[in-house]
């Protein structure tokens, strides 16, 4: 089940809840019990791909020609 973030429209409490579907049926505010809180757009983590020498692909690409599809890093030669 995905974890979604919500904000209660009655008391402005922000909270997270596990939901079976995207409609978030049955979710209520944990503080005041109000039904149908507004679903928020969540931030998410972005994975950083590392080159074989340990530098990030974003840092290495402009300076050494690292190409993730080709698997090569100009900085370390791999």
C-alpha atoms as a PDB file:
ATOM      1  CA  UNK A   1       0.000   0.000   0.000  1.00  0.00           C
ATOM      2  CA  UNK A   2       1.340   3.434  -0.871  1.00  0.00           C
ATOM      3  CA  UNK A   3       1.931   6.086   1.764  1.00  0.00           C
ATOM      4  CA  UNK A   4       0.236   9.422   1.003  1.00  0.00           C
ATOM      5  CA  UNK A   5       0.472  12.824   2.697  1.00  0.00           C
ATOM      6  CA  UNK A   6      -2.669  14.746   3.663  1.00  0.00           C
ATOM      7  CA  UNK A   7      -3.721  18.074   5.170  1.00  0.00           C
ATOM      8  CA  UNK A   8      -6.929  18.371   7.153  1.00  0.00           C
ATOM      9  CA  UNK A   9      -9.089  21.182   5.790  1.00  0.00           C
ATOM     10  CA  UNK A  10     -10.720  21.686   9.188  1.00  0.00           C
ATOM     11  CA  UNK A  11      -7.717  21.930  11.559  1.00  0.00           C
ATOM     12  CA  UNK A  12      -4.759  22.184   9.081  1.00  0.00           C
ATOM     13  CA  UNK A  13      -2.990  19.129  10.538  1.00  0.00           C
ATOM     14  CA  UNK A  14      -0.590  17.463   8.084  1.00  0.00           C
ATOM     15  CA  UNK A  15      -0.232  13.682   8.342  1.00  0.00           C
ATOM     16  CA  UNK A  16       0.630  10.522   6.411  1.00  0.00           C
ATOM     17  CA  UNK A  17      -1.640   7.529   5.821  1.00  0.00           C
ATOM     18  CA  UNK A  18      -1.414   4.199   4.028  1.00  0.00           C
ATOM     19  CA  UNK A  19      -4.126   3.878   1.358  1.00  0.00           C
ATOM     20  CA  UNK A  20      -5.315   0.959  -0.724  1.00  0.00           C
ATOM     21  CA  UNK A  21      -6.188   3.197  -3.688  1.00  0.00           C
ATOM     22  CA  UNK A  22      -5.571   6.725  -4.958  1.00  0.00           C
ATOM     23  CA  UNK A  23      -9.017   7.953  -3.852  1.00  0.00           C
ATOM     24  CA  UNK A  24      -8.010   7.564  -0.184  1.00  0.00           C
ATOM     25  CA  UNK A  25     -11.449   6.408   0.912  1.00  0.00           C
ATOM     26  CA  UNK A  26     -11.939   6.263   4.667  1.00  0.00           C
ATOM     27  CA  UNK A  27      -8.966   8.473   5.590  1.00  0.00           C
ATOM     28  CA  UNK A  28      -9.732  10.777   8.520  1.00  0.00           C
ATOM     29  CA  UNK A  29      -7.699  13.400  10.360  1.00  0.00           C
ATOM     30  CA  UNK A  30      -5.946  11.821  13.371  1.00  0.00           C
ATOM     31  CA  UNK A  31      -6.401  15.024  15.436  1.00  0.00           C
ATOM     32  CA  UNK A  32      -9.989  16.135  14.846  1.00  0.00           C
ATOM     33  CA  UNK A  33     -11.494  13.145  12.998  1.00  0.00           C
ATOM     34  CA  UNK A  34     -12.671  15.189   9.991  1.00  0.00           C
ATOM     35  CA  UNK A  35     -13.278  13.041   6.888  1.00  0.00           C
ATOM     36  CA  UNK A  36     -11.845  13.617   3.399  1.00  0.00           C
ATOM     37  CA  UNK A  37      -8.586  15.508   4.010  1.00  0.00           C
ATOM     38  CA  UNK A  38      -6.829  17.081   1.023  1.00  0.00           C
ATOM     39  CA  UNK A  39      -4.086  14.919  -0.470  1.00  0.00           C
ATOM     40  CA  UNK A  40      -0.736  16.714  -0.800  1.00  0.00           C
ATOM     41  CA  UNK A  41       1.889  16.318  -3.493  1.00  0.00           C
ATOM     42  CA  UNK A  42       4.771  14.552  -1.803  1.00  0.00           C
ATOM     43  CA  UNK A  43       8.470  15.156  -2.234  1.00  0.00           C
ATOM     44  CA  UNK A  44      10.441  12.086  -3.141  1.00  0.00           C
ATOM     45  CA  UNK A  45      14.033  10.969  -2.993  1.00  0.00           C
ATOM     46  CA  UNK A  46      16.142  10.887  -6.118  1.00  0.00           C
ATOM     47  CA  UNK A  47      18.777   8.219  -6.435  1.00  0.00           C
ATOM     48  CA  UNK A  48      22.243   9.389  -7.468  1.00  0.00           C
ATOM     49  CA  UNK A  49      24.024   7.040  -9.835  1.00  0.00           C
ATOM     50  CA  UNK A  50      27.721   6.706  -9.032  1.00  0.00           C
ATOM     51  CA  UNK A  51      30.535   6.077 -11.487  1.00  0.00           C
ATOM     52  CA  UNK A  52      32.975   3.232 -10.795  1.00  0.00           C
ATOM     53  CA  UNK A  53      35.405   5.743  -9.225  1.00  0.00           C
ATOM     54  CA  UNK A  54      32.760   6.980  -6.762  1.00  0.00           C
ATOM     55  CA  UNK A  55      31.927  10.351  -8.289  1.00  0.00           C
ATOM     56  CA  UNK A  56      28.290  11.028  -9.109  1.00  0.00           C
ATOM     57  CA  UNK A  57      27.214  10.739 -12.743  1.00  0.00           C
ATOM     58  CA  UNK A  58      26.015  14.366 -12.672  1.00  0.00           C
ATOM     59  CA  UNK A  59      29.446  15.590 -11.513  1.00  0.00           C
ATOM     60  CA  UNK A  60      31.490  13.348 -13.808  1.00  0.00           C
ATOM     61  CA  UNK A  61      29.509  13.671 -17.050  1.00  0.00           C
ATOM     62  CA  UNK A  62      30.481  17.242 -17.995  1.00  0.00           C
ATOM     63  CA  UNK A  63      34.149  16.872 -17.080  1.00  0.00           C
ATOM     64  CA  UNK A  64      35.007  13.326 -18.080  1.00  0.00           C
ATOM     65  CA  UNK A  65      32.327  12.128 -20.470  1.00  0.00           C
ATOM     66  CA  UNK A  66      30.730   9.547 -18.188  1.00  0.00           C
ATOM     67  CA  UNK A  67      27.962   7.791 -20.082  1.00  0.00           C
ATOM     68  CA  UNK A  68      25.666   5.589 -17.913  1.00  0.00           C
ATOM     69  CA  UNK A  69      24.380   3.724 -20.978  1.00  0.00           C
ATOM     70  CA  UNK A  70      27.918   2.902 -22.114  1.00  0.00           C
ATOM     71  CA  UNK A  71      29.178   2.304 -18.577  1.00  0.00           C
ATOM     72  CA  UNK A  72      32.283   4.444 -19.025  1.00  0.00           C
ATOM     73  CA  UNK A  73      33.915   7.049 -16.820  1.00  0.00           C
ATOM     74  CA  UNK A  74      36.633   9.306 -18.253  1.00  0.00           C
ATOM     75  CA  UNK A  75      37.715  10.342 -14.762  1.00  0.00           C
ATOM     76  CA  UNK A  76      38.863   6.894 -13.698  1.00  0.00           C
ATOM     77  CA  UNK A  77      39.076   5.165 -17.087  1.00  0.00           C
ATOM     78  CA  UNK A  78      36.434   2.558 -16.288  1.00  0.00           C
END
